[in-house]
PDB file of N, CA and C in Angstrom:
ATOM      1  N   MET A   1      12.388 -16.738  -4.976  1.00  0.00           N
ATOM      2  CA  MET A   1      11.755 -15.492  -4.568  1.00  0.00           C
ATOM      3  C   MET A   1      12.839 -14.412  -4.477  1.00  0.00           C
ATOM      4  N   THR A   2      12.592 -13.284  -5.120  1.00  0.00           N
ATOM      5  CA  THR A   2      13.569 -12.201  -5.095  1.00  0.00           C
ATOM      6  C   THR A   2      13.456 -11.416  -3.801  1.00  0.00           C
ATOM      7  N   LEU A   3      14.441 -10.595  -3.551  1.00  0.00           N
ATOM      8  CA  LEU A   3      14.424  -9.739  -2.366  1.00  0.00           C
ATOM      9  C   LEU A   3      13.225  -8.797  -2.412  1.00  0.00           C
ATOM     10  N   GLN A   4      12.908  -8.270  -3.603  1.00  0.00           N
ATOM     11  CA  GLN A   4      11.754  -7.380  -3.746  1.00  0.00           C
ATOM     12  C   GLN A   4      10.453  -8.125  -3.439  1.00  0.00           C
ATOM     13  N   ASP A   5      10.341  -9.376  -3.888  1.00  0.00           N
ATOM     14  CA  ASP A   5       9.155 -10.185  -3.587  1.00  0.00           C
ATOM     15  C   ASP A   5       9.018 -10.418  -2.091  1.00  0.00           C
ATOM     16  N   GLU A   6      10.134 -10.710  -1.442  1.00  0.00           N
ATOM     17  CA  GLU A   6      10.137 -10.924   0.006  1.00  0.00           C
ATOM     18  C   GLU A   6       9.716  -9.661   0.751  1.00  0.00           C
ATOM     19  N   PHE A   7      10.282  -8.528   0.328  1.00  0.00           N
ATOM     20  CA  PHE A   7       9.943  -7.248   0.953  1.00  0.00           C
ATOM     21  C   PHE A   7       8.461  -6.944   0.772  1.00  0.00           C
ATOM     22  N   ARG A   8       7.931  -7.183  -0.433  1.00  0.00           N
ATOM     23  CA  ARG A   8       6.509  -6.937  -0.713  1.00  0.00           C
ATOM     24  C   ARG A   8       5.638  -7.793   0.207  1.00  0.00           C
ATOM     25  N   THR A   9       5.979  -9.071   0.315  1.00  0.00           N
ATOM     26  CA  THR A   9       5.214  -9.986   1.170  1.00  0.00           C
ATOM     27  C   THR A   9       5.249  -9.531   2.628  1.00  0.00           C
ATOM     28  N   ASP A  10       6.425  -9.181   3.122  1.00  0.00           N
ATOM     29  CA  ASP A  10       6.561  -8.720   4.509  1.00  0.00           C
ATOM     30  C   ASP A  10       5.786  -7.421   4.746  1.00  0.00           C
ATOM     31  N   LEU A  11       5.845  -6.502   3.783  1.00  0.00           N
ATOM     32  CA  LEU A  11       5.135  -5.233   3.923  1.00  0.00           C
ATOM     33  C   LEU A  11       3.625  -5.458   3.934  1.00  0.00           C
ATOM     34  N   ILE A  12       3.135  -6.308   3.069  1.00  0.00           N
ATOM     35  CA  ILE A  12       1.697  -6.611   3.034  1.00  0.00           C
ATOM     36  C   ILE A  12       1.253  -7.216   4.361  1.00  0.00           C
ATOM     37  N   GLU A  13       2.027  -8.142   4.891  1.00  0.00           N
ATOM     38  CA  GLU A  13       1.677  -8.764   6.176  1.00  0.00           C
ATOM     39  C   GLU A  13       1.629  -7.721   7.294  1.00  0.00           C
ATOM     40  N   ALA A  14       2.572  -6.793   7.310  1.00  0.00           N
ATOM     41  CA  ALA A  14       2.571  -5.725   8.312  1.00  0.00           C
ATOM     42  C   ALA A  14       1.368  -4.806   8.119  1.00  0.00           C
ATOM     43  N   LEU A  15       1.062  -4.466   6.872  1.00  0.00           N
ATOM     44  CA  LEU A  15      -0.062  -3.567   6.582  1.00  0.00           C
ATOM     45  C   LEU A  15      -1.410  -4.182   6.945  1.00  0.00           C
ATOM     46  N   LYS A  16      -1.506  -5.501   6.929  1.00  0.00           N
ATOM     47  CA  LYS A  16      -2.762  -6.174   7.263  1.00  0.00           C
ATOM     48  C   LYS A  16      -3.120  -6.053   8.741  1.00  0.00           C
ATOM     49  N   ILE A  17      -2.121  -5.761   9.585  1.00  0.00           N
ATOM     50  CA  ILE A  17      -2.388  -5.694  11.025  1.00  0.00           C
ATOM     51  C   ILE A  17      -2.010  -4.359  11.662  1.00  0.00           C
ATOM     52  N   LYS A  18      -1.350  -3.488  10.918  1.00  0.00           N
ATOM     53  CA  LYS A  18      -0.886  -2.209  11.471  1.00  0.00           C
ATOM     54  C   LYS A  18      -0.986  -1.115  10.410  1.00  0.00           C
ATOM     55  N   LYS A  19      -0.658   0.095  10.850  1.00  0.00           N
ATOM     56  CA  LYS A  19      -0.467   1.217   9.936  1.00  0.00           C
ATOM     57  C   LYS A  19       1.026   1.320   9.662  1.00  0.00           C
ATOM     58  N   CYS A  20       1.367   1.791   8.482  1.00  0.00           N
ATOM     59  CA  CYS A  20       2.765   2.002   8.126  1.00  0.00           C
ATOM     60  C   CYS A  20       2.932   3.398   7.530  1.00  0.00           C
ATOM     61  N   LEU A  21       4.063   3.994   7.806  1.00  0.00           N
ATOM     62  CA  LEU A  21       4.425   5.256   7.178  1.00  0.00           C
ATOM     63  C   LEU A  21       5.393   4.892   6.054  1.00  0.00           C
ATOM     64  N   VAL A  22       4.944   5.090   4.825  1.00  0.00           N
ATOM     65  CA  VAL A  22       5.743   4.729   3.660  1.00  0.00           C
ATOM     66  C   VAL A  22       6.219   6.013   2.980  1.00  0.00           C
ATOM     67  N   HIS A  23       7.512   6.091   2.772  1.00  0.00           N
ATOM     68  CA  HIS A  23       8.151   7.221   2.079  1.00  0.00           C
ATOM     69  C   HIS A  23       8.577   6.675   0.729  1.00  0.00           C
ATOM     70  N   PHE A  24       8.056   7.270  -0.341  1.00  0.00           N
ATOM     71  CA  PHE A  24       8.352   6.750  -1.675  1.00  0.00           C
ATOM     72  C   PHE A  24       8.473   7.883  -2.686  1.00  0.00           C
ATOM     73  N   ARG A  25       9.003   7.542  -3.830  1.00  0.00           N
ATOM     74  CA  ARG A  25       9.158   8.514  -4.916  1.00  0.00           C
ATOM     75  C   ARG A  25       8.079   8.232  -5.957  1.00  0.00           C
ATOM     76  N   LYS A  26       7.265   9.259  -6.242  1.00  0.00           N
ATOM     77  CA  LYS A  26       6.210   9.130  -7.236  1.00  0.00           C
ATOM     78  C   LYS A  26       6.822   9.038  -8.642  1.00  0.00           C
ATOM     79  N   VAL A  27       6.025   8.633  -9.600  1.00  0.00           N
ATOM     80  CA  VAL A  27       6.489   8.480 -10.976  1.00  0.00           C
ATOM     81  C   VAL A  27       7.051   9.799 -11.517  1.00  0.00           C
ATOM     82  N   ASN A  28       6.471  10.940 -11.074  1.00  0.00           N
ATOM     83  CA  ASN A  28       6.939  12.251 -11.555  1.00  0.00           C
ATOM     84  C   ASN A  28       8.204  12.720 -10.837  1.00  0.00           C
ATOM     85  N   GLY A  29       8.746  11.908  -9.927  1.00  0.00           N
ATOM     86  CA  GLY A  29       9.978  12.238  -9.214  1.00  0.00           C
ATOM     87  C   GLY A  29       9.759  12.881  -7.853  1.00  0.00           C
ATOM     88  N   GLU A  30       8.555  13.307  -7.578  1.00  0.00           N
ATOM     89  CA  GLU A  30       8.221  13.936  -6.291  1.00  0.00           C
ATOM     90  C   GLU A  30       8.236  12.875  -5.189  1.00  0.00           C
ATOM     91  N   GLU A  31       8.745  13.252  -4.018  1.00  0.00           N
ATOM     92  CA  GLU A  31       8.731  12.329  -2.880  1.00  0.00           C
ATOM     93  C   GLU A  31       7.454  12.542  -2.071  1.00  0.00           C
ATOM     94  N   ARG A  32       6.933  11.459  -1.521  1.00  0.00           N
ATOM     95  CA  ARG A  32       5.696  11.526  -0.741  1.00  0.00           C
ATOM     96  C   ARG A  32       5.794  10.591   0.451  1.00  0.00           C
ATOM     97  N   ARG A  33       5.186  11.005   1.542  1.00  0.00           N
ATOM     98  CA  ARG A  33       5.042  10.156   2.727  1.00  0.00           C
ATOM     99  C   ARG A  33       3.552   9.888   2.909  1.00  0.00           C
ATOM    100  N   MET A  34       3.221   8.639   3.180  1.00  0.00           N
ATOM    101  CA  MET A  34       1.824   8.268   3.304  1.00  0.00           C
ATOM    102  C   MET A  34       1.662   7.297   4.468  1.00  0.00           C
ATOM    103  N   THR A  35       0.697   7.598   5.336  1.00  0.00           N
ATOM    104  CA  THR A  35       0.321   6.665   6.392  1.00  0.00           C
ATOM    105  C   THR A  35      -0.779   5.795   5.803  1.00  0.00           C
ATOM    106  N   CYS A  36      -0.514   4.492   5.722  1.00  0.00           N
ATOM    107  CA  CYS A  36      -1.441   3.613   5.030  1.00  0.00           C
ATOM    108  C   CYS A  36      -1.604   2.291   5.771  1.00  0.00           C
ATOM    109  N   THR A  37      -2.587   1.517   5.315  1.00  0.00           N
ATOM    110  CA  THR A  37      -2.889   0.236   5.950  1.00  0.00           C
ATOM    111  C   THR A  37      -3.632  -0.676   4.983  1.00  0.00           C
ATOM    112  N   LEU A  38      -3.705  -1.939   5.348  1.00  0.00           N
ATOM    113  CA  LEU A  38      -4.588  -2.922   4.720  1.00  0.00           C
ATOM    114  C   LEU A  38      -5.406  -3.619   5.802  1.00  0.00           C
ATOM    115  N   ASP A  39      -5.362  -3.072   7.019  1.00  0.00           N
ATOM    116  CA  ASP A  39      -6.094  -3.621   8.165  1.00  0.00           C
ATOM    117  C   ASP A  39      -7.579  -3.299   7.997  1.00  0.00           C
ATOM    118  N   ALA A  40      -8.398  -4.328   7.818  1.00  0.00           N
ATOM    119  CA  ALA A  40      -9.834  -4.154   7.581  1.00  0.00           C
ATOM    120  C   ALA A  40     -10.509  -3.370   8.702  1.00  0.00           C
ATOM    121  N   LYS A  41      -9.983  -3.456   9.924  1.00  0.00           N
ATOM    122  CA  LYS A  41     -10.572  -2.729  11.055  1.00  0.00           C
ATOM    123  C   LYS A  41     -10.363  -1.218  10.936  1.00  0.00           C
ATOM    124  N   LEU A  42      -9.379  -0.802  10.162  1.00  0.00           N
ATOM    125  CA  LEU A  42      -9.064   0.623  10.016  1.00  0.00           C
ATOM    126  C   LEU A  42      -9.600   1.235   8.725  1.00  0.00           C
ATOM    127  N   ILE A  43     -10.208   0.403   7.879  1.00  0.00           N
ATOM    128  CA  ILE A  43     -10.742   0.877   6.596  1.00  0.00           C
ATOM    129  C   ILE A  43     -12.263   0.957   6.710  1.00  0.00           C
ATOM    130  N   PRO A  44     -12.827   2.147   6.486  1.00  0.00           N
ATOM    131  CA  PRO A  44     -14.292   2.280   6.558  1.00  0.00           C
ATOM    132  C   PRO A  44     -14.976   1.369   5.534  1.00  0.00           C
ATOM    133  N   GLU A  45     -16.163   0.858   5.899  1.00  0.00           N
ATOM    134  CA  GLU A  45     -16.897  -0.015   4.984  1.00  0.00           C
ATOM    135  C   GLU A  45     -17.157   0.670   3.654  1.00  0.00           C
ATOM    136  N   SER A  46     -17.416   1.963   3.687  1.00  0.00           N
ATOM    137  CA  SER A  46     -17.703   2.704   2.458  1.00  0.00           C
ATOM    138  C   SER A  46     -16.495   2.763   1.532  1.00  0.00           C
ATOM    139  N   ALA A  47     -15.310   2.494   2.068  1.00  0.00           N
ATOM    140  CA  ALA A  47     -14.085   2.572   1.272  1.00  0.00           C
ATOM    141  C   ALA A  47     -13.570   1.208   0.835  1.00  0.00           C
ATOM    142  N   GLU A  48     -14.278   0.148   1.207  1.00  0.00           N
ATOM    143  CA  GLU A  48     -13.814  -1.176   0.820  1.00  0.00           C
ATOM    144  C   GLU A  48     -13.777  -1.267  -0.689  1.00  0.00           C
ATOM    145  N   GLN A  49     -12.752  -1.941  -1.193  1.00  0.00           N
ATOM    146  CA  GLN A  49     -12.612  -2.064  -2.640  1.00  0.00           C
ATOM    147  C   GLN A  49     -13.780  -2.858  -3.208  1.00  0.00           C
ATOM    148  N   LYS A  50     -14.343  -2.329  -4.290  1.00  0.00           N
ATOM    149  CA  LYS A  50     -15.446  -3.013  -4.952  1.00  0.00           C
ATOM    150  C   LYS A  50     -14.886  -4.085  -5.873  1.00  0.00           C
ATOM    151  N   VAL A  51     -15.618  -5.175  -5.980  1.00  0.00           N
ATOM    152  CA  VAL A  51     -15.209  -6.261  -6.855  1.00  0.00           C
ATOM    153  C   VAL A  51     -15.643  -5.900  -8.273  1.00  0.00           C
ATOM    154  N   SER A  52     -14.691  -5.880  -9.155  1.00  0.00           N
ATOM    155  CA  SER A  52     -14.964  -5.546 -10.549  1.00  0.00           C
ATOM    156  C   SER A  52     -15.564  -6.748 -11.261  1.00  0.00           C
ATOM    157  N   LYS A  53     -16.478  -6.496 -12.205  1.00  0.00           N
ATOM    158  CA  LYS A  53     -17.083  -7.580 -12.975  1.00  0.00           C
ATOM    159  C   LYS A  53     -16.087  -8.148 -13.981  1.00  0.00           C
ATOM    160  N   SER A  54     -15.189  -7.296 -14.476  1.00  0.00           N
ATOM    161  CA  SER A  54     -14.182  -7.779 -15.417  1.00  0.00           C
ATOM    162  C   SER A  54     -12.909  -8.111 -14.643  1.00  0.00           C
ATOM    163  N   PRO A  55     -12.235  -9.176 -15.037  1.00  0.00           N
ATOM    164  CA  PRO A  55     -11.012  -9.541 -14.310  1.00  0.00           C
ATOM    165  C   PRO A  55      -9.956  -8.440 -14.440  1.00  0.00           C
ATOM    166  N   ARG A  56      -9.295  -8.146 -13.355  1.00  0.00           N
ATOM    167  CA  ARG A  56      -8.286  -7.097 -13.328  1.00  0.00           C
ATOM    168  C   ARG A  56      -6.904  -7.747 -13.268  1.00  0.00           C
ATOM    169  N   VAL A  57      -6.021  -7.258 -14.095  1.00  0.00           N
ATOM    170  CA  VAL A  57      -4.660  -7.780 -14.105  1.00  0.00           C
ATOM    171  C   VAL A  57      -3.929  -7.206 -12.898  1.00  0.00           C
ATOM    172  N   VAL A  58      -3.368  -8.084 -12.088  1.00  0.00           N
ATOM    173  CA  VAL A  58      -2.643  -7.658 -10.891  1.00  0.00           C
ATOM    174  C   VAL A  58      -1.192  -7.406 -11.268  1.00  0.00           C
ATOM    175  N   ASN A  59      -0.704  -6.218 -10.967  1.00  0.00           N
ATOM    176  CA  ASN A  59       0.691  -5.876 -11.213  1.00  0.00           C
ATOM    177  C   ASN A  59       1.448  -6.075  -9.902  1.00  0.00           C
ATOM    178  N   PRO A  60       2.329  -7.066  -9.816  1.00  0.00           N
ATOM    179  CA  PRO A  60       3.025  -7.327  -8.559  1.00  0.00           C
ATOM    180  C   PRO A  60       3.997  -6.215  -8.158  1.00  0.00           C
ATOM    181  N   ASP A  61       4.282  -5.301  -9.079  1.00  0.00           N
ATOM    182  CA  ASP A  61       5.191  -4.188  -8.779  1.00  0.00           C
ATOM    183  C   ASP A  61       4.477  -3.022  -8.103  1.00  0.00           C
ATOM    184  N   VAL A  62       3.133  -3.038  -8.126  1.00  0.00           N
ATOM    185  CA  VAL A  62       2.340  -1.942  -7.574  1.00  0.00           C
ATOM    186  C   VAL A  62       1.528  -2.465  -6.396  1.00  0.00           C
ATOM    187  N   LEU A  63       1.523  -1.712  -5.298  1.00  0.00           N
ATOM    188  CA  LEU A  63       0.804  -2.121  -4.095  1.00  0.00           C
ATOM    189  C   LEU A  63      -0.326  -1.136  -3.787  1.00  0.00           C
ATOM    190  N   PRO A  64      -1.586  -1.563  -3.911  1.00  0.00           N
ATOM    191  CA  PRO A  64      -2.698  -0.703  -3.508  1.00  0.00           C
ATOM    192  C   PRO A  64      -2.859  -0.745  -1.988  1.00  0.00           C
ATOM    193  N   VAL A  65      -3.040   0.423  -1.381  1.00  0.00           N
ATOM    194  CA  VAL A  65      -3.199   0.540   0.072  1.00  0.00           C
ATOM    195  C   VAL A  65      -4.260   1.585   0.374  1.00  0.00           C
ATOM    196  N   TYR A  66      -4.766   1.563   1.596  1.00  0.00           N
ATOM    197  CA  TYR A  66      -5.711   2.589   2.027  1.00  0.00           C
ATOM    198  C   TYR A  66      -4.928   3.699   2.714  1.00  0.00           C
ATOM    199  N   ASP A  67      -5.021   4.924   2.177  1.00  0.00           N
ATOM    200  CA  ASP A  67      -4.343   6.097   2.729  1.00  0.00           C
ATOM    201  C   ASP A  67      -5.190   6.632   3.879  1.00  0.00           C
ATOM    202  N   ILE A  68      -4.678   6.533   5.095  1.00  0.00           N
ATOM    203  CA  ILE A  68      -5.407   6.944   6.300  1.00  0.00           C
ATOM    204  C   ILE A  68      -5.741   8.438   6.260  1.00  0.00           C
ATOM    205  N   ASP A  69      -4.768   9.276   5.884  1.00  0.00           N
ATOM    206  CA  ASP A  69      -4.975  10.727   5.903  1.00  0.00           C
ATOM    207  C   ASP A  69      -5.909  11.203   4.793  1.00  0.00           C
ATOM    208  N   ALA A  70      -5.748  10.681   3.589  1.00  0.00           N
ATOM    209  CA  ALA A  70      -6.583  11.096   2.457  1.00  0.00           C
ATOM    210  C   ALA A  70      -7.918  10.356   2.439  1.00  0.00           C
ATOM    211  N   GLN A  71      -8.040   9.334   3.263  1.00  0.00           N
ATOM    212  CA  GLN A  71      -9.241   8.505   3.372  1.00  0.00           C
ATOM    213  C   GLN A  71      -9.677   7.956   2.017  1.00  0.00           C
ATOM    214  N   GLY A  72      -8.727   7.311   1.352  1.00  0.00           N
ATOM    215  CA  GLY A  72      -9.031   6.699   0.062  1.00  0.00           C
ATOM    216  C   GLY A  72      -7.932   5.757  -0.361  1.00  0.00           C
ATOM    217  N   TRP A  73      -8.200   5.026  -1.415  1.00  0.00           N
ATOM    218  CA  TRP A  73      -7.240   4.056  -1.926  1.00  0.00           C
ATOM    219  C   TRP A  73      -6.204   4.736  -2.793  1.00  0.00           C
ATOM    220  N   ARG A  74      -4.952   4.398  -2.579  1.00  0.00           N
ATOM    221  CA  ARG A  74      -3.822   4.910  -3.351  1.00  0.00           C
ATOM    222  C   ARG A  74      -2.915   3.717  -3.641  1.00  0.00           C
ATOM    223  N   SER A  75      -1.934   3.920  -4.476  1.00  0.00           N
ATOM    224  CA  SER A  75      -0.976   2.849  -4.740  1.00  0.00           C
ATOM    225  C   SER A  75       0.398   3.441  -5.011  1.00  0.00           C
ATOM    226  N   PHE A  76       1.394   2.604  -4.852  1.00  0.00           N
ATOM    227  CA  PHE A  76       2.766   3.012  -5.139  1.00  0.00           C
ATOM    228  C   PHE A  76       3.522   1.801  -5.654  1.00  0.00           C
ATOM    229  N   ARG A  77       4.601   2.069  -6.346  1.00  0.00           N
ATOM    230  CA  ARG A  77       5.448   1.001  -6.868  1.00  0.00           C
ATOM    231  C   ARG A  77       6.400   0.539  -5.763  1.00  0.00           C
ATOM    232  N   ILE A  78       6.534  -0.753  -5.611  1.00  0.00           N
ATOM    233  CA  ILE A  78       7.389  -1.321  -4.567  1.00  0.00           C
ATOM    234  C   ILE A  78       8.824  -0.817  -4.709  1.00  0.00           C
ATOM    235  N   ASN A  79       9.325  -0.745  -5.930  1.00  0.00           N
ATOM    236  CA  ASN A  79      10.718  -0.338  -6.130  1.00  0.00           C
ATOM    237  C   ASN A  79      10.937   1.160  -5.946  1.00  0.00           C
ATOM    238  N   SER A  80       9.865   1.926  -5.662  1.00  0.00           N
ATOM    239  CA  SER A  80       9.998   3.361  -5.427  1.00  0.00           C
ATOM    240  C   SER A  80      10.076   3.700  -3.936  1.00  0.00           C
ATOM    241  N   ILE A  81       9.958   2.684  -3.073  1.00  0.00           N
ATOM    242  CA  ILE A  81       9.967   2.924  -1.626  1.00  0.00           C
ATOM    243  C   ILE A  81      11.352   3.320  -1.168  1.00  0.00           C
ATOM    244  N   ILE A  82      11.406   4.441  -0.432  1.00  0.00           N
ATOM    245  CA  ILE A  82      12.638   4.912   0.165  1.00  0.00           C
ATOM    246  C   ILE A  82      12.762   4.341   1.572  1.00  0.00           C
ATOM    247  N   SER A  83      11.642   4.354   2.324  1.00  0.00           N
ATOM    248  CA  SER A  83      11.623   3.755   3.657  1.00  0.00           C
ATOM    249  C   SER A  83      10.195   3.391   4.021  1.00  0.00           C
ATOM    250  N   ALA A  84      10.055   2.450   4.937  1.00  0.00           N
ATOM    251  CA  ALA A  84       8.748   2.043   5.432  1.00  0.00           C
ATOM    252  C   ALA A  84       8.889   1.765   6.921  1.00  0.00           C
ATOM    253  N   ILE A  85       8.051   2.455   7.708  1.00  0.00           N
ATOM    254  CA  ILE A  85       8.106   2.325   9.170  1.00  0.00           C
ATOM    255  C   ILE A  85       6.757   1.806   9.653  1.00  0.00           C
ATOM    256  N   ILE A  86       6.780   0.728  10.421  1.00  0.00           N
ATOM    257  CA  ILE A  86       5.555   0.171  11.000  1.00  0.00           C
ATOM    258  C   ILE A  86       5.176   1.002  12.209  1.00  0.00           C
ATOM    259  N   LEU A  87       3.917   1.458  12.236  1.00  0.00           N
ATOM    260  CA  LEU A  87       3.408   2.270  13.348  1.00  0.00           C
ATOM    261  C   LEU A  87       2.524   1.413  14.249  1.00  0.00           C
ATOM    262  N   ASN A  88       2.247   1.908  15.435  1.00  0.00           N
ATOM    263  CA  ASN A  88       1.341   1.189  16.356  1.00  0.00           C
ATOM    264  C   ASN A  88      -0.078   1.273  15.905  1.00  0.00           C
TER     265      ASN A  88
END
């Protein structure tokens, strides 16, 4: 397991039970901060990810999360993270 794999696993586990403030660099070079989560209690039912009929290829380099402020699903590349802070 690589360090990036370990970090991804740890971040996912934290996101499942808390909110995190993630600072990352977008593909266009712009920096962004996002308060996000994977905690089902914090994601509205209307925003739950729908199950696709066609199989979707999972990219382990990209992490889909629920953006608390934008109230929608967003994603970022793991290797683009500048910092990640676990919030209460």
